[in-house]
PDB file of N, CA and C in Angstrom:
ATOM      1  N   GLN A   1       0.842  -1.190   0.000  1.00  0.00           N
ATOM      2  CA  GLN A   1       0.000   0.000   0.000  1.00  0.00           C
ATOM      3  C   GLN A   1       0.884   1.249   0.000  1.00  0.00           C
ATOM      4  N   VAL A   2       0.675   2.093  -0.977  1.00  0.00           N
ATOM      5  CA  VAL A   2       1.453   3.315  -1.074  1.00  0.00           C
ATOM      6  C   VAL A   2       0.914   4.336  -0.086  1.00  0.00           C
ATOM      7  N   GLN A   3       1.821   4.961   0.642  1.00  0.00           N
ATOM      8  CA  GLN A   3       1.448   6.012   1.585  1.00  0.00           C
ATOM      9  C   GLN A   3       1.867   7.365   1.021  1.00  0.00           C
ATOM     10  N   LEU A   4       0.970   8.318   1.121  1.00  0.00           N
ATOM     11  CA  LEU A   4       1.249   9.681   0.687  1.00  0.00           C
ATOM     12  C   LEU A   4       1.030  10.613   1.872  1.00  0.00           C
ATOM     13  N   VAL A   5       1.995  11.461   2.132  1.00  0.00           N
ATOM     14  CA  VAL A   5       1.876  12.387   3.250  1.00  0.00           C
ATOM     15  C   VAL A   5       2.073  13.809   2.725  1.00  0.00           C
ATOM     16  N   GLU A   6       1.009  14.584   2.804  1.00  0.00           N
ATOM     17  CA  GLU A   6       1.086  15.979   2.370  1.00  0.00           C
ATOM     18  C   GLU A   6       1.518  16.877   3.519  1.00  0.00           C
ATOM     19  N   SER A   7       2.154  17.974   3.173  1.00  0.00           N
ATOM     20  CA  SER A   7       2.538  18.970   4.163  1.00  0.00           C
ATOM     21  C   SER A   7       2.625  20.328   3.478  1.00  0.00           C
ATOM     22  N   GLY A   8       2.719  21.370   4.286  1.00  0.00           N
ATOM     23  CA  GLY A   8       2.892  22.706   3.738  1.00  0.00           C
ATOM     24  C   GLY A   8       1.671  23.600   3.832  1.00  0.00           C
ATOM     25  N   GLY A   9       0.557  23.049   4.242  1.00  0.00           N
ATOM     26  CA  GLY A   9      -0.640  23.869   4.385  1.00  0.00           C
ATOM     27  C   GLY A   9      -0.505  24.829   5.559  1.00  0.00           C
ATOM     28  N   GLY A  10      -1.519  25.641   5.736  1.00  0.00           N
ATOM     29  CA  GLY A  10      -1.512  26.608   6.823  1.00  0.00           C
ATOM     30  C   GLY A  10      -2.222  27.880   6.407  1.00  0.00           C
ATOM     31  N   LEU A  11      -1.905  28.947   7.097  1.00  0.00           N
ATOM     32  CA  LEU A  11      -2.532  30.244   6.820  1.00  0.00           C
ATOM     33  C   LEU A  11      -1.577  31.115   6.013  1.00  0.00           C
ATOM     34  N   VAL A  12      -2.073  31.655   4.913  1.00  0.00           N
ATOM     35  CA  VAL A  12      -1.265  32.541   4.083  1.00  0.00           C
ATOM     36  C   VAL A  12      -2.134  33.714   3.653  1.00  0.00           C
ATOM     37  N   GLU A  13      -1.514  34.856   3.515  1.00  0.00           N
ATOM     38  CA  GLU A  13      -2.261  36.045   3.113  1.00  0.00           C
ATOM     39  C   GLU A  13      -2.460  36.083   1.596  1.00  0.00           C
ATOM     40  N   PRO A  14      -3.534  36.675   1.145  1.00  0.00           N
ATOM     41  CA  PRO A  14      -3.768  36.802  -0.303  1.00  0.00           C
ATOM     42  C   PRO A  14      -2.581  37.478  -0.991  1.00  0.00           C
ATOM     43  N   GLY A  15      -2.221  36.926  -2.128  1.00  0.00           N
ATOM     44  CA  GLY A  15      -1.107  37.474  -2.888  1.00  0.00           C
ATOM     45  C   GLY A  15       0.233  36.839  -2.560  1.00  0.00           C
ATOM     46  N   TRP A  16       0.289  36.069  -1.490  1.00  0.00           N
ATOM     47  CA  TRP A  16       1.536  35.448  -1.089  1.00  0.00           C
ATOM     48  C   TRP A  16       1.686  34.085  -1.758  1.00  0.00           C
ATOM     49  N   SER A  17       2.828  33.448  -1.481  1.00  0.00           N
ATOM     50  CA  SER A  17       3.135  32.150  -2.074  1.00  0.00           C
ATOM     51  C   SER A  17       3.210  31.073  -1.000  1.00  0.00           C
ATOM     52  N   ARG A  18       3.068  29.835  -1.464  1.00  0.00           N
ATOM     53  CA  ARG A  18       3.163  28.683  -0.559  1.00  0.00           C
ATOM     54  C   ARG A  18       3.593  27.481  -1.370  1.00  0.00           C
ATOM     55  N   ARG A  19       4.318  26.575  -0.723  1.00  0.00           N
ATOM     56  CA  ARG A  19       4.691  25.329  -1.381  1.00  0.00           C
ATOM     57  C   ARG A  19       4.130  24.148  -0.607  1.00  0.00           C
ATOM     58  N   LEU A  20       3.398  23.317  -1.285  1.00  0.00           N
ATOM     59  CA  LEU A  20       2.913  22.064  -0.703  1.00  0.00           C
ATOM     60  C   LEU A  20       3.825  20.930  -1.125  1.00  0.00           C
ATOM     61  N   ALA A  21       3.948  19.946  -0.252  1.00  0.00           N
ATOM     62  CA  ALA A  21       4.782  18.784  -0.548  1.00  0.00           C
ATOM     63  C   ALA A  21       3.985  17.516  -0.309  1.00  0.00           C
ATOM     64  N   CYS A  22       4.293  16.500  -1.074  1.00  0.00           N
ATOM     65  CA  CYS A  22       3.662  15.187  -0.938  1.00  0.00           C
ATOM     66  C   CYS A  22       4.761  14.129  -0.987  1.00  0.00           C
ATOM     67  N   LYS A  23       5.033  13.541   0.155  1.00  0.00           N
ATOM     68  CA  LYS A  23       6.083  12.515   0.247  1.00  0.00           C
ATOM     69  C   LYS A  23       5.463  11.153   0.002  1.00  0.00           C
ATOM     70  N   THR A  24       6.061  10.392  -0.925  1.00  0.00           N
ATOM     71  CA  THR A  24       5.550   9.059  -1.225  1.00  0.00           C
ATOM     72  C   THR A  24       6.385   8.018  -0.505  1.00  0.00           C
ATOM     73  N   SER A  25       5.754   6.891  -0.183  1.00  0.00           N
ATOM     74  CA  SER A  25       6.448   5.833   0.555  1.00  0.00           C
ATOM     75  C   SER A  25       7.242   4.921  -0.365  1.00  0.00           C
ATOM     76  N   GLU A  26       7.044   5.072  -1.676  1.00  0.00           N
ATOM     77  CA  GLU A  26       7.772   4.263  -2.643  1.00  0.00           C
ATOM     78  C   GLU A  26       8.411   5.163  -3.685  1.00  0.00           C
ATOM     79  N   SER A  27       9.289   4.575  -4.449  1.00  0.00           N
ATOM     80  CA  SER A  27      10.003   5.359  -5.443  1.00  0.00           C
ATOM     81  C   SER A  27       9.033   6.066  -6.381  1.00  0.00           C
ATOM     82  N   ILE A  28       9.294   7.336  -6.567  1.00  0.00           N
ATOM     83  CA  ILE A  28       8.404   8.149  -7.385  1.00  0.00           C
ATOM     84  C   ILE A  28       8.447   7.726  -8.847  1.00  0.00           C
ATOM     85  N   TRP A  29       9.498   7.022  -9.232  1.00  0.00           N
ATOM     86  CA  TRP A  29       9.657   6.586 -10.607  1.00  0.00           C
ATOM     87  C   TRP A  29       8.594   5.574 -11.036  1.00  0.00           C
ATOM     88  N   LYS A  30       8.023   4.856 -10.072  1.00  0.00           N
ATOM     89  CA  LYS A  30       7.079   3.803 -10.429  1.00  0.00           C
ATOM     90  C   LYS A  30       5.699   4.316 -10.783  1.00  0.00           C
ATOM     91  N   PHE A  31       5.437   5.591 -10.522  1.00  0.00           N
ATOM     92  CA  PHE A  31       4.100   6.113 -10.747  1.00  0.00           C
ATOM     93  C   PHE A  31       3.957   6.727 -12.126  1.00  0.00           C
ATOM     94  N   ASN A  32       2.801   6.539 -12.697  1.00  0.00           N
ATOM     95  CA  ASN A  32       2.555   7.051 -14.033  1.00  0.00           C
ATOM     96  C   ASN A  32       2.009   8.476 -13.993  1.00  0.00           C
ATOM     97  N   THR A  33       1.017   8.690 -13.171  1.00  0.00           N
ATOM     98  CA  THR A  33       0.403  10.016 -13.092  1.00  0.00           C
ATOM     99  C   THR A  33       0.407  10.500 -11.656  1.00  0.00           C
ATOM    100  N   MET A  34       0.805  11.750 -11.464  1.00  0.00           N
ATOM    101  CA  MET A  34       0.832  12.353 -10.147  1.00  0.00           C
ATOM    102  C   MET A  34       0.092  13.681 -10.232  1.00  0.00           C
ATOM    103  N   GLY A  35      -0.631  14.029  -9.177  1.00  0.00           N
ATOM    104  CA  GLY A  35      -1.373  15.271  -9.275  1.00  0.00           C
ATOM    105  C   GLY A  35      -1.818  15.829  -7.947  1.00  0.00           C
ATOM    106  N   TRP A  36      -2.346  17.017  -8.048  1.00  0.00           N
ATOM    107  CA  TRP A  36      -2.907  17.713  -6.892  1.00  0.00           C
ATOM    108  C   TRP A  36      -4.368  18.062  -7.184  1.00  0.00           C
ATOM    109  N   TYR A  37      -5.184  17.904  -6.157  1.00  0.00           N
ATOM    110  CA  TYR A  37      -6.597  18.253  -6.214  1.00  0.00           C
ATOM    111  C   TYR A  37      -6.908  19.080  -4.970  1.00  0.00           C
ATOM    112  N   ARG A  38      -8.041  19.735  -4.993  1.00  0.00           N
ATOM    113  CA  ARG A  38      -8.437  20.487  -3.809  1.00  0.00           C
ATOM    114  C   ARG A  38      -9.945  20.432  -3.626  1.00  0.00           C
ATOM    115  N   GLN A  39     -10.342  20.606  -2.381  1.00  0.00           N
ATOM    116  CA  GLN A  39     -11.759  20.599  -2.059  1.00  0.00           C
ATOM    117  C   GLN A  39     -12.051  21.703  -1.057  1.00  0.00           C
ATOM    118  N   ALA A  40     -12.835  22.657  -1.493  1.00  0.00           N
ATOM    119  CA  ALA A  40     -13.249  23.749  -0.625  1.00  0.00           C
ATOM    120  C   ALA A  40     -14.524  23.345   0.109  1.00  0.00           C
ATOM    121  N   PRO A  41     -14.820  23.977   1.235  1.00  0.00           N
ATOM    122  CA  PRO A  41     -16.027  23.620   1.998  1.00  0.00           C
ATOM    123  C   PRO A  41     -17.280  23.731   1.136  1.00  0.00           C
ATOM    124  N   GLY A  42     -18.077  22.676   1.141  1.00  0.00           N
ATOM    125  CA  GLY A  42     -19.326  22.683   0.406  1.00  0.00           C
ATOM    126  C   GLY A  42     -19.194  22.490  -1.084  1.00  0.00           C
ATOM    127  N   LYS A  43     -17.992  22.190  -1.536  1.00  0.00           N
ATOM    128  CA  LYS A  43     -17.776  22.018  -2.979  1.00  0.00           C
ATOM    129  C   LYS A  43     -17.209  20.652  -3.290  1.00  0.00           C
ATOM    130  N   GLU A  44     -17.287  20.291  -4.561  1.00  0.00           N
ATOM    131  CA  GLU A  44     -16.719  19.028  -5.020  1.00  0.00           C
ATOM    132  C   GLU A  44     -15.196  19.142  -5.078  1.00  0.00           C
ATOM    133  N   ARG A  45     -14.541  17.999  -4.965  1.00  0.00           N
ATOM    134  CA  ARG A  45     -13.099  17.968  -5.154  1.00  0.00           C
ATOM    135  C   ARG A  45     -12.805  18.290  -6.616  1.00  0.00           C
ATOM    136  N   GLU A  46     -11.817  19.143  -6.835  1.00  0.00           N
ATOM    137  CA  GLU A  46     -11.517  19.551  -8.197  1.00  0.00           C
ATOM    138  C   GLU A  46     -10.037  19.381  -8.515  1.00  0.00           C
ATOM    139  N   PHE A  47      -9.785  19.207  -9.782  1.00  0.00           N
ATOM    140  CA  PHE A  47      -8.426  19.049 -10.286  1.00  0.00           C
ATOM    141  C   PHE A  47      -7.679  20.373 -10.198  1.00  0.00           C
ATOM    142  N   VAL A  48      -6.406  20.298  -9.816  1.00  0.00           N
ATOM    143  CA  VAL A  48      -5.562  21.495  -9.782  1.00  0.00           C
ATOM    144  C   VAL A  48      -4.424  21.370 -10.789  1.00  0.00           C
ATOM    145  N   ALA A  49      -3.642  20.306 -10.665  1.00  0.00           N
ATOM    146  CA  ALA A  49      -2.481  20.155 -11.543  1.00  0.00           C
ATOM    147  C   ALA A  49      -2.071  18.696 -11.594  1.00  0.00           C
ATOM    148  N   SER A  50      -1.419  18.300 -12.688  1.00  0.00           N
ATOM    149  CA  SER A  50      -0.935  16.937 -12.796  1.00  0.00           C
ATOM    150  C   SER A  50       0.354  16.872 -13.591  1.00  0.00           C
ATOM    151  N   LEU A  51       1.048  15.768 -13.391  1.00  0.00           N
ATOM    152  CA  LEU A  51       2.321  15.507 -14.049  1.00  0.00           C
ATOM    153  C   LEU A  51       2.270  14.049 -14.493  1.00  0.00           C
ATOM    154  N   ASP A  52       2.439  13.798 -15.800  1.00  0.00           N
ATOM    155  CA  ASP A  52       2.329  12.408 -16.252  1.00  0.00           C
ATOM    156  C   ASP A  52       3.713  11.780 -16.389  1.00  0.00           C
ATOM    157  N   GLY A  53       3.739  10.549 -16.882  1.00  0.00           N
ATOM    158  CA  GLY A  53       4.982   9.797 -16.959  1.00  0.00           C
ATOM    159  C   GLY A  53       6.045  10.406 -17.853  1.00  0.00           C
ATOM    160  N   SER A  54       5.617  11.246 -18.775  1.00  0.00           N
ATOM    161  CA  SER A  54       6.592  11.929 -19.635  1.00  0.00           C
ATOM    162  C   SER A  54       6.848  13.352 -19.155  1.00  0.00           C
ATOM    163  N   ASP A  55       6.470  13.625 -17.914  1.00  0.00           N
ATOM    164  CA  ASP A  55       6.663  14.945 -17.291  1.00  0.00           C
ATOM    165  C   ASP A  55       5.882  16.060 -17.978  1.00  0.00           C
ATOM    166  N   THR A  56       4.800  15.711 -18.583  1.00  0.00           N
ATOM    167  CA  THR A  56       3.911  16.727 -19.154  1.00  0.00           C
ATOM    168  C   THR A  56       3.045  17.289 -18.039  1.00  0.00           C
ATOM    169  N   GLU A  57       3.014  18.601 -17.944  1.00  0.00           N
ATOM    170  CA  GLU A  57       2.250  19.264 -16.906  1.00  0.00           C
ATOM    171  C   GLU A  57       0.883  19.688 -17.434  1.00  0.00           C
ATOM    172  N   ASN A  58      -0.096  19.582 -16.560  1.00  0.00           N
ATOM    173  CA  ASN A  58      -1.434  20.077 -16.873  1.00  0.00           C
ATOM    174  C   ASN A  58      -1.961  20.852 -15.685  1.00  0.00           C
ATOM    175  N   TYR A  59      -2.677  21.910 -15.961  1.00  0.00           N
ATOM    176  CA  TYR A  59      -3.207  22.764 -14.907  1.00  0.00           C
ATOM    177  C   TYR A  59      -4.653  23.126 -15.194  1.00  0.00           C
ATOM    178  N   SER A  60      -5.390  23.349 -14.122  1.00  0.00           N
ATOM    179  CA  SER A  60      -6.731  23.886 -14.298  1.00  0.00           C
ATOM    180  C   SER A  60      -6.601  25.353 -14.726  1.00  0.00           C
ATOM    181  N   ASP A  61      -7.596  25.842 -15.398  1.00  0.00           N
ATOM    182  CA  ASP A  61      -7.547  27.229 -15.872  1.00  0.00           C
ATOM    183  C   ASP A  61      -7.417  28.216 -14.713  1.00  0.00           C
ATOM    184  N   SER A  62      -7.962  27.871 -13.573  1.00  0.00           N
ATOM    185  CA  SER A  62      -7.971  28.809 -12.447  1.00  0.00           C
ATOM    186  C   SER A  62      -6.588  28.998 -11.815  1.00  0.00           C
ATOM    187  N   VAL A  63      -5.668  28.070 -12.060  1.00  0.00           N
ATOM    188  CA  VAL A  63      -4.341  28.185 -11.432  1.00  0.00           C
ATOM    189  C   VAL A  63      -3.223  28.310 -12.453  1.00  0.00           C
ATOM    190  N   LYS A  64      -3.553  28.156 -13.716  1.00  0.00           N
ATOM    191  CA  LYS A  64      -2.527  28.218 -14.762  1.00  0.00           C
ATOM    192  C   LYS A  64      -1.755  29.525 -14.674  1.00  0.00           C
ATOM    193  N   CYS A  65      -0.444  29.424 -14.819  1.00  0.00           N
ATOM    194  CA  CYS A  65       0.479  30.569 -14.765  1.00  0.00           C
ATOM    195  C   CYS A  65       0.762  31.050 -13.346  1.00  0.00           C
ATOM    196  N   ARG A  66       0.069  30.509 -12.355  1.00  0.00           N
ATOM    197  CA  ARG A  66       0.361  30.872 -10.964  1.00  0.00           C
ATOM    198  C   ARG A  66       0.920  29.690 -10.172  1.00  0.00           C
ATOM    199  N   PHE A  67       0.515  28.487 -10.516  1.00  0.00           N
ATOM    200  CA  PHE A  67       0.954  27.291  -9.804  1.00  0.00           C
ATOM    201  C   PHE A  67       1.915  26.487 -10.679  1.00  0.00           C
ATOM    202  N   THR A  68       2.827  25.774 -10.027  1.00  0.00           N
ATOM    203  CA  THR A  68       3.750  24.894 -10.734  1.00  0.00           C
ATOM    204  C   THR A  68       3.828  23.570 -10.001  1.00  0.00           C
ATOM    205  N   ILE A  69       3.697  22.485 -10.748  1.00  0.00           N
ATOM    206  CA  ILE A  69       3.844  21.152 -10.176  1.00  0.00           C
ATOM    207  C   ILE A  69       5.192  20.599 -10.591  1.00  0.00           C
ATOM    208  N   LEU A  70       5.876  19.984  -9.649  1.00  0.00           N
ATOM    209  CA  LEU A  70       7.156  19.372  -9.998  1.00  0.00           C
ATOM    210  C   LEU A  70       7.474  18.273  -9.000  1.00  0.00           C
ATOM    211  N   LYS A  71       8.431  17.433  -9.358  1.00  0.00           N
ATOM    212  CA  LYS A  71       8.789  16.316  -8.495  1.00  0.00           C
ATOM    213  C   LYS A  71      10.283  16.314  -8.234  1.00  0.00           C
ATOM    214  N   ASP A  72      10.626  15.790  -7.078  1.00  0.00           N
ATOM    215  CA  ASP A  72      12.033  15.581  -6.728  1.00  0.00           C
ATOM    216  C   ASP A  72      12.227  14.081  -6.584  1.00  0.00           C
ATOM    217  N   THR A  73      12.865  13.468  -7.549  1.00  0.00           N
ATOM    218  CA  THR A  73      13.006  12.013  -7.545  1.00  0.00           C
ATOM    219  C   THR A  73      13.954  11.525  -6.459  1.00  0.00           C
ATOM    220  N   ARG A  74      14.862  12.378  -6.016  1.00  0.00           N
ATOM    221  CA  ARG A  74      15.780  11.957  -4.946  1.00  0.00           C
ATOM    222  C   ARG A  74      15.054  11.867  -3.616  1.00  0.00           C
ATOM    223  N   LYS A  75      14.069  12.725  -3.433  1.00  0.00           N
ATOM    224  CA  LYS A  75      13.322  12.768  -2.173  1.00  0.00           C
ATOM    225  C   LYS A  75      11.969  12.062  -2.262  1.00  0.00           C
ATOM    226  N   ASN A  76      11.641  11.525  -3.443  1.00  0.00           N
ATOM    227  CA  ASN A  76      10.337  10.884  -3.648  1.00  0.00           C
ATOM    228  C   ASN A  76       9.206  11.809  -3.205  1.00  0.00           C
ATOM    229  N   THR A  77       9.289  13.030  -3.642  1.00  0.00           N
ATOM    230  CA  THR A  77       8.339  14.051  -3.214  1.00  0.00           C
ATOM    231  C   THR A  77       7.790  14.815  -4.408  1.00  0.00           C
ATOM    232  N   LEU A  78       6.498  15.043  -4.364  1.00  0.00           N
ATOM    233  CA  LEU A  78       5.810  15.859  -5.361  1.00  0.00           C
ATOM    234  C   LEU A  78       5.506  17.205  -4.716  1.00  0.00           C
ATOM    235  N   TYR A  79       5.722  18.280  -5.452  1.00  0.00           N
ATOM    236  CA  TYR A  79       5.496  19.613  -4.918  1.00  0.00           C
ATOM    237  C   TYR A  79       4.429  20.359  -5.729  1.00  0.00           C
ATOM    238  N   LEU A  80       3.826  21.321  -5.062  1.00  0.00           N
ATOM    239  CA  LEU A  80       2.956  22.267  -5.754  1.00  0.00           C
ATOM    240  C   LEU A  80       3.364  23.656  -5.272  1.00  0.00           C
ATOM    241  N   HIS A  81       3.991  24.410  -6.157  1.00  0.00           N
ATOM    242  CA  HIS A  81       4.360  25.776  -5.844  1.00  0.00           C
ATOM    243  C   HIS A  81       3.199  26.675  -6.239  1.00  0.00           C
ATOM    244  N   MET A  82       2.715  27.450  -5.291  1.00  0.00           N
ATOM    245  CA  MET A  82       1.556  28.297  -5.519  1.00  0.00           C
ATOM    246  C   MET A  82       1.935  29.758  -5.310  1.00  0.00           C
ATOM    247  N   ASN A  83       1.736  30.558  -6.339  1.00  0.00           N
ATOM    248  CA  ASN A  83       2.025  31.987  -6.264  1.00  0.00           C
ATOM    249  C   ASN A  83       0.734  32.792  -6.394  1.00  0.00           C
ATOM    250  N   PHE A  84       0.772  34.016  -5.892  1.00  0.00           N
ATOM    251  CA  PHE A  84      -0.373  34.926  -5.995  1.00  0.00           C
ATOM    252  C   PHE A  84      -1.659  34.247  -5.529  1.00  0.00           C
ATOM    253  N   LEU A  85      -1.600  33.700  -4.350  1.00  0.00           N
ATOM    254  CA  LEU A  85      -2.753  32.971  -3.829  1.00  0.00           C
ATOM    255  C   LEU A  85      -3.942  33.897  -3.628  1.00  0.00           C
ATOM    256  N   GLU A  86      -5.110  33.361  -3.929  1.00  0.00           N
ATOM    257  CA  GLU A  86      -6.359  34.092  -3.818  1.00  0.00           C
ATOM    258  C   GLU A  86      -7.222  33.455  -2.742  1.00  0.00           C
ATOM    259  N   PRO A  87      -8.118  34.216  -2.134  1.00  0.00           N
ATOM    260  CA  PRO A  87      -9.005  33.628  -1.114  1.00  0.00           C
ATOM    261  C   PRO A  87      -9.768  32.413  -1.637  1.00  0.00           C
ATOM    262  N   GLU A  88     -10.063  32.411  -2.937  1.00  0.00           N
ATOM    263  CA  GLU A  88     -10.785  31.278  -3.534  1.00  0.00           C
ATOM    264  C   GLU A  88      -9.937  30.006  -3.553  1.00  0.00           C
ATOM    265  N   GLY A  89      -8.650  30.155  -3.306  1.00  0.00           N
ATOM    266  CA  GLY A  89      -7.765  29.001  -3.282  1.00  0.00           C
ATOM    267  C   GLY A  89      -7.750  28.273  -1.960  1.00  0.00           C
ATOM    268  N   ALA A  90      -8.448  28.774  -0.982  1.00  0.00           N
ATOM    269  CA  ALA A  90      -8.519  28.116   0.315  1.00  0.00           C
ATOM    270  C   ALA A  90      -9.272  26.798   0.173  1.00  0.00           C
ATOM    271  N   ALA A  91      -8.644  25.720   0.618  1.00  0.00           N
ATOM    272  CA  ALA A  91      -9.239  24.392   0.461  1.00  0.00           C
ATOM    273  C   ALA A  91      -8.342  23.381   1.140  1.00  0.00           C
ATOM    274  N   VAL A  92      -8.812  22.165   1.186  1.00  0.00           N
ATOM    275  CA  VAL A  92      -7.939  21.050   1.546  1.00  0.00           C
ATOM    276  C   VAL A  92      -7.326  20.552   0.248  1.00  0.00           C
ATOM    277  N   TYR A  93      -6.014  20.504   0.220  1.00  0.00           N
ATOM    278  CA  TYR A  93      -5.294  20.067  -0.966  1.00  0.00           C
ATOM    279  C   TYR A  93      -4.863  18.617  -0.791  1.00  0.00           C
ATOM    280  N   PHE A  94      -5.174  17.820  -1.812  1.00  0.00           N
ATOM    281  CA  PHE A  94      -4.879  16.396  -1.788  1.00  0.00           C
ATOM    282  C   PHE A  94      -3.866  16.047  -2.869  1.00  0.00           C
ATOM    283  N   CYS A  95      -2.972  15.171  -2.506  1.00  0.00           N
ATOM    284  CA  CYS A  95      -2.023  14.625  -3.452  1.00  0.00           C
ATOM    285  C   CYS A  95      -2.572  13.279  -3.936  1.00  0.00           C
ATOM    286  N   SER A  96      -2.350  12.989  -5.201  1.00  0.00           N
ATOM    287  CA  SER A  96      -2.776  11.712  -5.759  1.00  0.00           C
ATOM    288  C   SER A  96      -1.707  11.178  -6.701  1.00  0.00           C
ATOM    289  N   VAL A  97      -1.383   9.895  -6.563  1.00  0.00           N
ATOM    290  CA  VAL A  97      -0.484   9.227  -7.496  1.00  0.00           C
ATOM    291  C   VAL A  97      -1.164   7.940  -7.931  1.00  0.00           C
ATOM    292  N   ASP A  98      -1.322   7.788  -9.232  1.00  0.00           N
ATOM    293  CA  ASP A  98      -2.062   6.661  -9.801  1.00  0.00           C
ATOM    294  C   ASP A  98      -3.415   6.532  -9.093  1.00  0.00           C
ATOM    295  N   VAL A  99      -3.634   5.480  -8.302  1.00  0.00           N
ATOM    296  CA  VAL A  99      -4.939   5.303  -7.649  1.00  0.00           C
ATOM    297  C   VAL A  99      -4.910   5.650  -6.172  1.00  0.00           C
ATOM    298  N   TYR A 100      -3.811   6.159  -5.690  1.00  0.00           N
ATOM    299  CA  TYR A 100      -3.645   6.430  -4.271  1.00  0.00           C
ATOM    300  C   TYR A 100      -3.852   7.912  -3.943  1.00  0.00           C
ATOM    301  N   TRP A 101      -4.357   8.137  -2.736  1.00  0.00           N
ATOM    302  CA  TRP A 101      -4.634   9.498  -2.272  1.00  0.00           C
ATOM    303  C   TRP A 101      -4.024   9.732  -0.901  1.00  0.00           C
ATOM    304  N   GLY A 102      -3.597  10.977  -0.678  1.00  0.00           N
ATOM    305  CA  GLY A 102      -3.167  11.348   0.648  1.00  0.00           C
ATOM    306  C   GLY A 102      -4.348  11.824   1.475  1.00  0.00           C
ATOM    307  N   GLN A 103      -4.064  12.221   2.716  1.00  0.00           N
ATOM    308  CA  GLN A 103      -5.114  12.659   3.629  1.00  0.00           C
ATOM    309  C   GLN A 103      -5.455  14.123   3.463  1.00  0.00           C
ATOM    310  N   GLY A 104      -4.607  14.854   2.800  1.00  0.00           N
ATOM    311  CA  GLY A 104      -4.885  16.262   2.536  1.00  0.00           C
ATOM    312  C   GLY A 104      -4.194  17.189   3.516  1.00  0.00           C
ATOM    313  N   THR A 105      -3.983  18.415   3.072  1.00  0.00           N
ATOM    314  CA  THR A 105      -3.421  19.456   3.913  1.00  0.00           C
ATOM    315  C   THR A 105      -4.254  20.721   3.708  1.00  0.00           C
ATOM    316  N   GLN A 106      -4.624  21.350   4.809  1.00  0.00           N
ATOM    317  CA  GLN A 106      -5.528  22.495   4.763  1.00  0.00           C
ATOM    318  C   GLN A 106      -4.759  23.771   4.452  1.00  0.00           C
ATOM    319  N   LEU A 107      -5.246  24.509   3.480  1.00  0.00           N
ATOM    320  CA  LEU A 107      -4.687  25.812   3.162  1.00  0.00           C
ATOM    321  C   LEU A 107      -5.756  26.869   3.365  1.00  0.00           C
ATOM    322  N   THR A 108      -5.436  27.854   4.153  1.00  0.00           N
ATOM    323  CA  THR A 108      -6.339  28.978   4.394  1.00  0.00           C
ATOM    324  C   THR A 108      -5.712  30.238   3.810  1.00  0.00           C
ATOM    325  N   VAL A 109      -6.456  30.956   3.014  1.00  0.00           N
ATOM    326  CA  VAL A 109      -5.965  32.191   2.403  1.00  0.00           C
ATOM    327  C   VAL A 109      -6.813  33.330   2.939  1.00  0.00           C
ATOM    328  N   SER A 110      -6.212  34.104   3.801  1.00  0.00           N
ATOM    329  CA  SER A 110      -6.973  35.160   4.465  1.00  0.00           C
ATOM    330  C   SER A 110      -6.025  36.199   5.028  1.00  0.00           C
ATOM    331  N   SER A 111      -6.490  37.434   5.060  1.00  0.00           N
ATOM    332  CA  SER A 111      -5.706  38.491   5.683  1.00  0.00           C
ATOM    333  C   SER A 111      -6.152  38.693   7.131  1.00  0.00           C
TER     334      SER A 111
END
């Protein structure tokens, strides 16, 4: 069973940046698709960004040009760099690799 542990959430002011991390329990090389999703209170879980086996990046329109997804193969960690955060970005952020999900990390965007 693959374990995913997210970190990096917390309180950030609008316009600031934050980096989320997702540590995998197995080598990151074995996964085909890796991604980040988020779920705001009262809303459905939605796609944020993904990275496929050929390192092709995909982003939702709402975060394109502000967020960057990348992986560190030495640390078996997936990252989500978030810039110019907006209050609408407040949510629980989940990491997903293939069919596995993490428990999520809460991000609050507020002044």
